[in-house]
Amino acid sequence: MRTRSIPVVAILGVLALVLAATPAAAVQVTDPDDVAGKLDLKTLVVRKADASAPLVAKITTYENWTASLLKDSGKNRVYVLFDVDADGAAEYVGEISSSGGDLHMDITGQGSAFEPLPVKHPDGHTLKTVVPGGSPPNPDGTVQIAAKSTFRDTGDCSTACKDRIPDTGWVSVP
């Protein structure tokens, strides 16, 4: 019986194709259950397949809530902060709110405002949005991200319960 050997070059070529097709791993940060109210941030997961790719952000909270909690006319909000030049300050801020039952993110900064981006609320405690690659808040290359929330209600949060993830610093994505 005769066996055939596969050239090492062919194996390496196939492996390179598989690795190139594999999306970049997501970066995840978890925050403790430490803030009263429905918008206590639990996780921030961000991914960007390559330097010029769209940035996918997923934010979860410990509590369940409906999209109407973030209605435009109210004071409850979730924000996505974008530090595009690694100076430790947000150049752009995405404000997530609801109008007509639909969630959207309005990004402003550097004297500009952009078209609202859709935000999904697939379950009672998750937000997902995609920021186009090559846009000012998601330029080609690395961008640093954080999220924060503000919740106002009676009781413990009558003057506002605020959270940030990560508590200090940023999540860097390529």
N, C-alpha and C. Protein backbone atom coordinates (compact mmCIF):
# COMPACT_ATOMS: atom_id res chain seq x y z
N MET A 1 0.84 -1.17 0.00
CA MET A 1 0.00 0.00 0.00
C MET A 1 0.90 1.24 0.00
N ARG A 2 0.51 2.15 -0.80
CA ARG A 2 1.31 3.35 -0.97
C ARG A 2 0.65 4.50 -0.23
N THR A 3 1.39 5.29 0.52
CA THR A 3 0.85 6.45 1.21
C THR A 3 1.34 7.71 0.52
N ARG A 4 0.52 8.70 0.60
CA ARG A 4 0.90 9.99 0.02
C ARG A 4 1.18 10.97 1.15
N SER A 5 2.15 11.73 0.97
CA SER A 5 2.40 12.77 1.97
C SER A 5 1.95 14.11 1.40
N ILE A 6 1.38 14.87 2.28
CA ILE A 6 0.92 16.21 1.88
C ILE A 6 2.06 17.17 2.15
N PRO A 7 2.42 17.94 1.17
CA PRO A 7 3.53 18.88 1.37
C PRO A 7 3.24 19.85 2.52
N VAL A 8 4.25 20.13 3.29
CA VAL A 8 4.13 21.05 4.42
C VAL A 8 3.65 22.42 3.95
N VAL A 9 4.07 22.84 2.80
CA VAL A 9 3.66 24.15 2.26
C VAL A 9 2.15 24.19 2.08
N ALA A 10 1.54 23.11 1.60
CA ALA A 10 0.09 23.07 1.42
C ALA A 10 -0.62 23.16 2.76
N ILE A 11 -0.12 22.47 3.77
CA ILE A 11 -0.73 22.51 5.11
C ILE A 11 -0.64 23.92 5.67
N LEU A 12 0.52 24.55 5.54
CA LEU A 12 0.67 25.91 6.05
C LEU A 12 -0.24 26.89 5.31
N GLY A 13 -0.42 26.68 4.01
CA GLY A 13 -1.31 27.55 3.24
C GLY A 13 -2.75 27.44 3.71
N VAL A 14 -3.21 26.23 3.95
CA VAL A 14 -4.58 26.03 4.44
C VAL A 14 -4.73 26.63 5.83
N LEU A 15 -3.74 26.42 6.69
CA LEU A 15 -3.79 26.98 8.04
C LEU A 15 -3.84 28.50 7.99
N ALA A 16 -3.09 29.12 7.12
CA ALA A 16 -3.11 30.58 6.99
C ALA A 16 -4.48 31.08 6.56
N LEU A 17 -5.12 30.37 5.63
CA LEU A 17 -6.46 30.76 5.19
C LEU A 17 -7.47 30.65 6.32
N VAL A 18 -7.38 29.58 7.10
CA VAL A 18 -8.30 29.39 8.23
C VAL A 18 -8.12 30.49 9.26
N LEU A 19 -6.88 30.79 9.59
CA LEU A 19 -6.62 31.83 10.58
C LEU A 19 -7.05 33.21 10.08
N ALA A 20 -6.86 33.48 8.82
CA ALA A 20 -7.27 34.76 8.25
C ALA A 20 -8.78 34.92 8.27
N ALA A 21 -9.50 33.84 8.13
CA ALA A 21 -10.97 33.88 8.11
C ALA A 21 -11.56 33.91 9.51
N THR A 22 -10.76 33.64 10.54
CA THR A 22 -11.25 33.62 11.90
C THR A 22 -11.35 35.05 12.41
N PRO A 23 -12.53 35.46 12.89
CA PRO A 23 -12.65 36.82 13.39
C PRO A 23 -11.84 37.02 14.66
N ALA A 24 -11.46 38.26 14.89
CA ALA A 24 -10.69 38.58 16.08
C ALA A 24 -11.51 38.25 17.32
N ALA A 25 -10.83 37.85 18.35
CA ALA A 25 -11.50 37.52 19.60
C ALA A 25 -12.07 38.79 20.23
N ALA A 26 -13.16 38.62 20.90
CA ALA A 26 -13.78 39.74 21.59
C ALA A 26 -13.02 40.03 22.88
N VAL A 27 -13.01 41.29 23.26
CA VAL A 27 -12.43 41.70 24.52
C VAL A 27 -13.59 41.94 25.48
N GLN A 28 -13.54 41.33 26.65
CA GLN A 28 -14.65 41.44 27.60
C GLN A 28 -14.14 41.93 28.94
N VAL A 29 -14.91 42.85 29.54
CA VAL A 29 -14.65 43.35 30.88
C VAL A 29 -15.91 43.13 31.69
N THR A 30 -15.74 42.66 32.93
CA THR A 30 -16.88 42.44 33.83
C THR A 30 -16.77 43.41 35.00
N ASP A 31 -17.90 43.96 35.38
CA ASP A 31 -18.00 44.91 36.48
C ASP A 31 -18.81 44.26 37.60
N PRO A 32 -18.47 44.50 38.86
CA PRO A 32 -19.23 43.89 39.95
C PRO A 32 -20.65 44.45 40.07
N ASP A 33 -21.50 43.69 40.72
CA ASP A 33 -22.88 44.10 41.02
C ASP A 33 -22.78 45.08 42.20
N ASP A 34 -22.55 46.37 41.87
CA ASP A 34 -22.18 47.33 42.91
C ASP A 34 -22.97 48.63 42.92
N VAL A 35 -23.96 48.76 42.03
CA VAL A 35 -24.71 50.00 41.93
C VAL A 35 -26.20 49.69 42.00
N ALA A 36 -26.93 50.47 42.77
CA ALA A 36 -28.38 50.28 42.85
C ALA A 36 -29.02 50.67 41.51
N GLY A 37 -30.18 50.13 41.25
CA GLY A 37 -30.92 50.50 40.06
C GLY A 37 -30.78 49.52 38.92
N LYS A 38 -31.61 49.73 37.90
CA LYS A 38 -31.71 48.79 36.79
C LYS A 38 -30.56 48.87 35.79
N LEU A 39 -29.77 49.92 35.83
CA LEU A 39 -28.70 50.08 34.84
C LEU A 39 -27.32 49.84 35.44
N ASP A 40 -27.22 48.92 36.41
CA ASP A 40 -25.94 48.51 36.96
C ASP A 40 -25.24 47.66 35.90
N LEU A 41 -24.16 48.18 35.34
CA LEU A 41 -23.47 47.52 34.23
C LEU A 41 -22.76 46.25 34.69
N LYS A 42 -22.90 45.19 33.90
CA LYS A 42 -22.31 43.89 34.21
C LYS A 42 -21.12 43.57 33.30
N THR A 43 -21.33 43.63 31.98
CA THR A 43 -20.24 43.33 31.05
C THR A 43 -20.22 44.32 29.89
N LEU A 44 -19.03 44.52 29.38
CA LEU A 44 -18.82 45.25 28.14
C LEU A 44 -17.98 44.33 27.26
N VAL A 45 -18.51 43.97 26.11
CA VAL A 45 -17.81 43.10 25.17
C VAL A 45 -17.67 43.88 23.87
N VAL A 46 -16.44 44.03 23.39
CA VAL A 46 -16.20 44.75 22.14
C VAL A 46 -15.32 43.89 21.23
N ARG A 47 -15.58 44.02 19.94
CA ARG A 47 -14.76 43.29 18.98
C ARG A 47 -14.67 44.09 17.69
N LYS A 48 -13.52 43.94 17.07
CA LYS A 48 -13.23 44.60 15.80
C LYS A 48 -12.33 43.63 15.05
N ALA A 49 -12.83 43.05 13.97
CA ALA A 49 -12.12 41.97 13.28
C ALA A 49 -10.73 42.38 12.80
N ASP A 50 -10.58 43.61 12.38
CA ASP A 50 -9.27 44.12 11.98
C ASP A 50 -9.29 45.63 12.11
N ALA A 51 -8.20 46.27 11.76
CA ALA A 51 -8.04 47.71 11.99
C ALA A 51 -9.12 48.58 11.36
N SER A 52 -9.68 48.15 10.22
CA SER A 52 -10.66 48.98 9.54
C SER A 52 -12.09 48.43 9.64
N ALA A 53 -12.28 47.43 10.45
CA ALA A 53 -13.59 46.77 10.56
C ALA A 53 -14.57 47.54 11.43
N PRO A 54 -15.86 47.24 11.27
CA PRO A 54 -16.85 47.79 12.20
C PRO A 54 -16.55 47.34 13.63
N LEU A 55 -16.90 48.16 14.57
CA LEU A 55 -16.74 47.84 15.98
C LEU A 55 -18.09 47.37 16.51
N VAL A 56 -18.12 46.18 17.08
CA VAL A 56 -19.34 45.62 17.64
C VAL A 56 -19.25 45.73 19.16
N ALA A 57 -20.24 46.37 19.77
CA ALA A 57 -20.26 46.53 21.22
C ALA A 57 -21.51 45.89 21.80
N LYS A 58 -21.31 45.14 22.90
CA LYS A 58 -22.42 44.53 23.62
C LYS A 58 -22.27 44.89 25.08
N ILE A 59 -23.34 45.45 25.64
CA ILE A 59 -23.35 45.87 27.04
C ILE A 59 -24.47 45.10 27.74
N THR A 60 -24.16 44.52 28.90
CA THR A 60 -25.20 43.86 29.69
C THR A 60 -25.30 44.51 31.05
N THR A 61 -26.48 44.41 31.62
CA THR A 61 -26.74 44.90 32.98
C THR A 61 -27.15 43.73 33.87
N TYR A 62 -27.11 43.93 35.17
CA TYR A 62 -27.53 42.88 36.10
C TYR A 62 -29.05 42.72 36.14
N GLU A 63 -29.76 43.80 35.97
CA GLU A 63 -31.22 43.78 36.05
C GLU A 63 -31.84 43.78 34.66
N ASN A 64 -33.05 43.27 34.55
CA ASN A 64 -33.83 43.36 33.32
C ASN A 64 -34.58 44.68 33.29
N TRP A 65 -34.82 45.19 32.11
CA TRP A 65 -35.56 46.44 31.93
C TRP A 65 -36.07 46.49 30.50
N THR A 66 -37.05 47.35 30.26
CA THR A 66 -37.61 47.50 28.92
C THR A 66 -36.96 48.70 28.23
N ALA A 67 -37.02 48.72 26.91
CA ALA A 67 -36.42 49.80 26.14
C ALA A 67 -36.99 51.17 26.52
N SER A 68 -38.24 51.20 26.96
CA SER A 68 -38.87 52.48 27.34
C SER A 68 -38.17 53.14 28.52
N LEU A 69 -37.37 52.39 29.28
CA LEU A 69 -36.62 52.98 30.39
C LEU A 69 -35.67 54.06 29.89
N LEU A 70 -35.22 53.94 28.64
CA LEU A 70 -34.27 54.89 28.05
C LEU A 70 -34.95 55.90 27.12
N LYS A 71 -36.24 56.16 27.31
CA LYS A 71 -36.94 57.05 26.37
C LYS A 71 -36.29 58.43 26.31
N ASP A 72 -36.32 59.00 25.11
CA ASP A 72 -35.70 60.30 24.84
C ASP A 72 -36.09 61.38 25.83
N SER A 73 -37.33 61.36 26.27
CA SER A 73 -37.81 62.41 27.17
C SER A 73 -37.39 62.18 28.63
N GLY A 74 -36.78 61.05 28.93
CA GLY A 74 -36.38 60.73 30.30
C GLY A 74 -34.92 61.06 30.58
N LYS A 75 -34.48 60.70 31.77
CA LYS A 75 -33.11 61.00 32.19
C LYS A 75 -32.23 59.76 32.30
N ASN A 76 -32.79 58.58 32.07
CA ASN A 76 -32.00 57.35 32.14
C ASN A 76 -31.27 57.15 30.82
N ARG A 77 -29.98 56.81 30.91
CA ARG A 77 -29.18 56.66 29.70
C ARG A 77 -28.08 55.64 29.88
N VAL A 78 -27.67 55.09 28.75
CA VAL A 78 -26.44 54.30 28.65
C VAL A 78 -25.60 55.00 27.59
N TYR A 79 -24.32 55.13 27.88
CA TYR A 79 -23.39 55.82 26.98
C TYR A 79 -22.25 54.90 26.59
N VAL A 80 -21.76 55.07 25.37
CA VAL A 80 -20.53 54.42 24.93
C VAL A 80 -19.52 55.54 24.69
N LEU A 81 -18.37 55.42 25.33
CA LEU A 81 -17.32 56.44 25.23
C LEU A 81 -16.23 55.96 24.29
N PHE A 82 -15.76 56.84 23.41
CA PHE A 82 -14.75 56.50 22.42
C PHE A 82 -13.52 57.40 22.61
N ASP A 83 -12.41 56.81 22.97
CA ASP A 83 -11.13 57.51 23.05
C ASP A 83 -10.33 57.08 21.82
N VAL A 84 -10.29 57.94 20.81
CA VAL A 84 -9.69 57.56 19.53
C VAL A 84 -8.21 57.89 19.42
N ASP A 85 -7.68 58.68 20.36
CA ASP A 85 -6.26 59.04 20.27
C ASP A 85 -5.46 58.61 21.49
N ALA A 86 -6.03 57.73 22.31
CA ALA A 86 -5.35 57.14 23.47
C ALA A 86 -4.82 58.18 24.46
N ASP A 87 -5.55 59.29 24.60
CA ASP A 87 -5.14 60.31 25.56
C ASP A 87 -5.88 60.19 26.90
N GLY A 88 -6.75 59.19 27.03
CA GLY A 88 -7.47 58.98 28.27
C GLY A 88 -8.76 59.78 28.40
N ALA A 89 -9.14 60.49 27.34
CA ALA A 89 -10.37 61.28 27.34
C ALA A 89 -11.23 60.87 26.15
N ALA A 90 -12.54 60.92 26.34
CA ALA A 90 -13.46 60.55 25.27
C ALA A 90 -13.58 61.69 24.25
N GLU A 91 -13.24 61.40 23.01
CA GLU A 91 -13.44 62.38 21.94
C GLU A 91 -14.86 62.31 21.40
N TYR A 92 -15.48 61.13 21.50
CA TYR A 92 -16.85 60.93 21.03
C TYR A 92 -17.65 60.19 22.10
N VAL A 93 -18.93 60.54 22.20
CA VAL A 93 -19.83 59.89 23.16
C VAL A 93 -21.08 59.44 22.41
N GLY A 94 -21.40 58.16 22.55
CA GLY A 94 -22.62 57.62 21.99
C GLY A 94 -23.67 57.52 23.07
N GLU A 95 -24.79 58.21 22.88
CA GLU A 95 -25.88 58.22 23.86
C GLU A 95 -26.99 57.30 23.36
N ILE A 96 -27.29 56.26 24.15
CA ILE A 96 -28.32 55.31 23.77
C ILE A 96 -29.62 55.71 24.43
N SER A 97 -30.66 55.86 23.59
CA SER A 97 -31.98 56.22 24.09
C SER A 97 -33.04 55.59 23.19
N SER A 98 -34.29 55.79 23.56
CA SER A 98 -35.40 55.16 22.85
C SER A 98 -36.40 56.21 22.40
N SER A 99 -36.85 56.06 21.16
CA SER A 99 -37.95 56.89 20.68
C SER A 99 -38.87 56.00 19.86
N GLY A 100 -40.14 56.07 20.14
CA GLY A 100 -41.10 55.23 19.42
C GLY A 100 -40.88 53.74 19.64
N GLY A 101 -40.26 53.39 20.76
CA GLY A 101 -40.01 51.99 21.08
C GLY A 101 -38.73 51.43 20.50
N ASP A 102 -38.06 52.19 19.62
CA ASP A 102 -36.81 51.73 19.02
C ASP A 102 -35.62 52.39 19.70
N LEU A 103 -34.61 51.59 19.99
CA LEU A 103 -33.38 52.11 20.58
C LEU A 103 -32.43 52.57 19.48
N HIS A 104 -31.72 53.63 19.76
CA HIS A 104 -30.72 54.14 18.83
C HIS A 104 -29.57 54.76 19.63
N MET A 105 -28.42 54.93 18.97
CA MET A 105 -27.29 55.59 19.60
C MET A 105 -26.92 56.81 18.77
N ASP A 106 -26.94 57.96 19.41
CA ASP A 106 -26.53 59.21 18.79
C ASP A 106 -25.10 59.51 19.23
N ILE A 107 -24.18 59.59 18.29
CA ILE A 107 -22.79 59.86 18.61
C ILE A 107 -22.47 61.31 18.28
N THR A 108 -21.86 61.99 19.25
CA THR A 108 -21.44 63.37 19.07
C THR A 108 -20.01 63.52 19.58
N GLY A 109 -19.35 64.56 19.11
CA GLY A 109 -18.01 64.87 19.58
C GLY A 109 -17.19 65.56 18.52
N GLN A 110 -16.16 66.28 18.96
CA GLN A 110 -15.27 67.00 18.05
C GLN A 110 -16.05 67.94 17.13
N GLY A 111 -17.14 68.51 17.65
CA GLY A 111 -17.95 69.44 16.86
C GLY A 111 -18.85 68.78 15.84
N SER A 112 -18.99 67.46 15.90
CA SER A 112 -19.79 66.73 14.92
C SER A 112 -20.89 65.92 15.58
N ALA A 113 -21.93 65.68 14.82
CA ALA A 113 -23.01 64.77 15.21
C ALA A 113 -23.24 63.85 14.03
N PHE A 114 -23.52 62.59 14.30
CA PHE A 114 -23.64 61.59 13.24
C PHE A 114 -25.04 61.02 13.21
N GLU A 115 -25.38 60.38 12.09
CA GLU A 115 -26.67 59.71 11.97
C GLU A 115 -26.82 58.70 13.10
N PRO A 116 -28.02 58.59 13.66
CA PRO A 116 -28.23 57.60 14.73
C PRO A 116 -27.95 56.18 14.23
N LEU A 117 -27.36 55.38 15.09
CA LEU A 117 -27.11 53.97 14.79
C LEU A 117 -28.14 53.11 15.51
N PRO A 118 -28.64 52.06 14.88
CA PRO A 118 -29.60 51.19 15.57
C PRO A 118 -28.94 50.44 16.72
N VAL A 119 -29.72 50.22 17.76
CA VAL A 119 -29.29 49.45 18.92
C VAL A 119 -30.32 48.36 19.14
N LYS A 120 -29.84 47.15 19.33
CA LYS A 120 -30.74 46.02 19.59
C LYS A 120 -30.80 45.77 21.09
N HIS A 121 -31.95 45.31 21.54
CA HIS A 121 -32.20 44.96 22.94
C HIS A 121 -32.80 43.55 22.93
N PRO A 122 -31.94 42.52 22.64
CA PRO A 122 -32.45 41.17 22.38
C PRO A 122 -33.08 40.47 23.58
N ASP A 123 -32.73 40.93 24.78
CA ASP A 123 -33.36 40.39 25.98
C ASP A 123 -33.45 41.53 26.99
N GLY A 124 -33.89 41.26 28.16
CA GLY A 124 -34.15 42.32 29.13
C GLY A 124 -32.95 43.02 29.71
N HIS A 125 -31.75 42.57 29.40
CA HIS A 125 -30.56 43.18 30.01
C HIS A 125 -29.37 43.36 29.05
N THR A 126 -29.60 43.31 27.75
CA THR A 126 -28.50 43.41 26.79
C THR A 126 -28.76 44.49 25.74
N LEU A 127 -27.71 45.22 25.41
CA LEU A 127 -27.71 46.18 24.31
C LEU A 127 -26.61 45.79 23.34
N LYS A 128 -26.89 45.86 22.04
CA LYS A 128 -25.89 45.57 21.01
C LYS A 128 -25.96 46.65 19.94
N THR A 129 -24.79 47.11 19.51
CA THR A 129 -24.74 48.09 18.44
C THR A 129 -23.46 47.89 17.63
N VAL A 130 -23.45 48.42 16.42
CA VAL A 130 -22.30 48.32 15.52
C VAL A 130 -21.95 49.72 15.04
N VAL A 131 -20.67 50.08 15.19
CA VAL A 131 -20.18 51.38 14.73
C VAL A 131 -19.34 51.14 13.47
N PRO A 132 -19.70 51.78 12.36
CA PRO A 132 -19.00 51.52 11.10
C PRO A 132 -17.49 51.75 11.19
N GLY A 133 -16.73 50.90 10.51
CA GLY A 133 -15.29 51.07 10.45
C GLY A 133 -14.93 52.30 9.63
N GLY A 134 -13.82 52.92 9.98
CA GLY A 134 -13.37 54.10 9.26
C GLY A 134 -14.15 55.35 9.58
N SER A 135 -15.05 55.29 10.55
CA SER A 135 -15.80 56.49 10.96
C SER A 135 -15.02 57.21 12.05
N PRO A 136 -15.28 58.49 12.29
CA PRO A 136 -14.51 59.21 13.30
C PRO A 136 -14.51 58.54 14.70
N PRO A 137 -15.64 58.01 15.19
CA PRO A 137 -15.55 57.35 16.50
C PRO A 137 -14.91 55.96 16.43
N ASN A 138 -14.77 55.39 15.24
CA ASN A 138 -14.13 54.09 15.05
C ASN A 138 -13.14 54.18 13.89
N PRO A 139 -12.06 54.94 14.10
CA PRO A 139 -11.10 55.11 13.00
C PRO A 139 -10.32 53.82 12.76
N ASP A 140 -9.66 53.76 11.61
CA ASP A 140 -8.79 52.63 11.33
C ASP A 140 -7.72 52.56 12.43
N GLY A 141 -7.47 51.38 12.91
CA GLY A 141 -6.49 51.20 13.98
C GLY A 141 -7.19 50.92 15.31
N THR A 142 -6.46 51.16 16.37
CA THR A 142 -6.96 50.87 17.72
C THR A 142 -7.85 52.01 18.22
N VAL A 143 -8.90 51.64 18.93
CA VAL A 143 -9.78 52.60 19.60
C VAL A 143 -10.01 52.08 21.01
N GLN A 144 -10.14 52.99 21.95
CA GLN A 144 -10.41 52.62 23.34
C GLN A 144 -11.87 52.92 23.65
N ILE A 145 -12.50 51.98 24.35
CA ILE A 145 -13.94 52.07 24.61
C ILE A 145 -14.20 51.92 26.11
N ALA A 146 -15.25 52.59 26.57
CA ALA A 146 -15.80 52.39 27.92
C ALA A 146 -17.30 52.62 27.80
N ALA A 147 -18.03 52.23 28.82
CA ALA A 147 -19.48 52.48 28.84
C ALA A 147 -19.83 53.03 30.21
N LYS A 148 -20.89 53.81 30.24
CA LYS A 148 -21.37 54.28 31.53
C LYS A 148 -22.88 54.37 31.47
N SER A 149 -23.50 54.42 32.65
CA SER A 149 -24.95 54.50 32.72
C SER A 149 -25.35 55.50 33.79
N THR A 150 -26.53 56.07 33.61
CA THR A 150 -27.15 56.95 34.59
C THR A 150 -28.59 56.50 34.75
N PHE A 151 -28.99 56.20 36.00
CA PHE A 151 -30.35 55.74 36.29
C PHE A 151 -30.93 56.60 37.39
N ARG A 152 -32.13 57.14 37.12
CA ARG A 152 -32.85 57.95 38.12
C ARG A 152 -34.20 57.32 38.37
N ASP A 153 -34.52 57.19 39.65
CA ASP A 153 -35.79 56.61 40.07
C ASP A 153 -36.00 57.04 41.52
N THR A 154 -37.06 56.61 42.10
CA THR A 154 -37.28 56.91 43.51
C THR A 154 -36.37 56.03 44.37
N GLY A 155 -36.23 56.37 45.62
CA GLY A 155 -35.42 55.56 46.52
C GLY A 155 -33.94 55.83 46.36
N ASP A 156 -33.15 54.76 46.32
CA ASP A 156 -31.69 54.88 46.27
C ASP A 156 -31.19 55.70 45.10
N CYS A 157 -31.93 55.74 44.02
CA CYS A 157 -31.46 56.42 42.81
C CYS A 157 -32.19 57.73 42.54
N SER A 158 -32.73 58.35 43.57
CA SER A 158 -33.48 59.60 43.38
C SER A 158 -32.58 60.73 42.87
N THR A 159 -31.30 60.69 43.21
CA THR A 159 -30.37 61.71 42.71
C THR A 159 -29.47 61.15 41.62
N ALA A 160 -29.70 59.96 41.18
CA ALA A 160 -29.01 59.27 40.08
C ALA A 160 -28.01 58.24 40.59
N CYS A 161 -28.14 57.05 40.08
CA CYS A 161 -27.17 55.98 40.28
C CYS A 161 -26.36 55.90 39.00
N LYS A 162 -25.04 55.96 39.14
CA LYS A 162 -24.16 55.97 37.97
C LYS A 162 -23.18 54.82 38.05
N ASP A 163 -22.85 54.28 36.88
CA ASP A 163 -21.89 53.19 36.81
C ASP A 163 -21.02 53.41 35.58
N ARG A 164 -19.82 52.83 35.60
CA ARG A 164 -18.90 52.89 34.46
C ARG A 164 -18.20 51.55 34.36
N ILE A 165 -17.98 51.11 33.12
CA ILE A 165 -17.25 49.88 32.89
C ILE A 165 -16.23 50.11 31.79
N PRO A 166 -14.95 49.88 32.01
CA PRO A 166 -14.37 49.58 33.31
C PRO A 166 -14.47 50.79 34.24
N ASP A 167 -14.34 50.54 35.54
CA ASP A 167 -14.47 51.63 36.52
C ASP A 167 -13.49 52.76 36.22
N THR A 168 -12.29 52.41 35.82
CA THR A 168 -11.29 53.38 35.38
C THR A 168 -10.61 52.80 34.16
N GLY A 169 -10.04 53.64 33.35
CA GLY A 169 -9.33 53.17 32.17
C GLY A 169 -10.25 52.83 31.02
N TRP A 170 -9.73 52.04 30.09
CA TRP A 170 -10.42 51.78 28.82
C TRP A 170 -10.20 50.34 28.38
N VAL A 171 -11.05 49.89 27.47
CA VAL A 171 -10.89 48.61 26.78
C VAL A 171 -10.34 48.95 25.39
N SER A 172 -9.19 48.43 25.05
CA SER A 172 -8.58 48.69 23.74
C SER A 172 -8.94 47.58 22.76
N VAL A 173 -9.37 47.98 21.58
CA VAL A 173 -9.66 47.02 20.52
C VAL A 173 -8.92 47.44 19.26
N PRO A 174 -8.36 46.45 18.55
CA PRO A 174 -7.59 46.78 17.34
C PRO A 174 -8.49 47.31 16.24
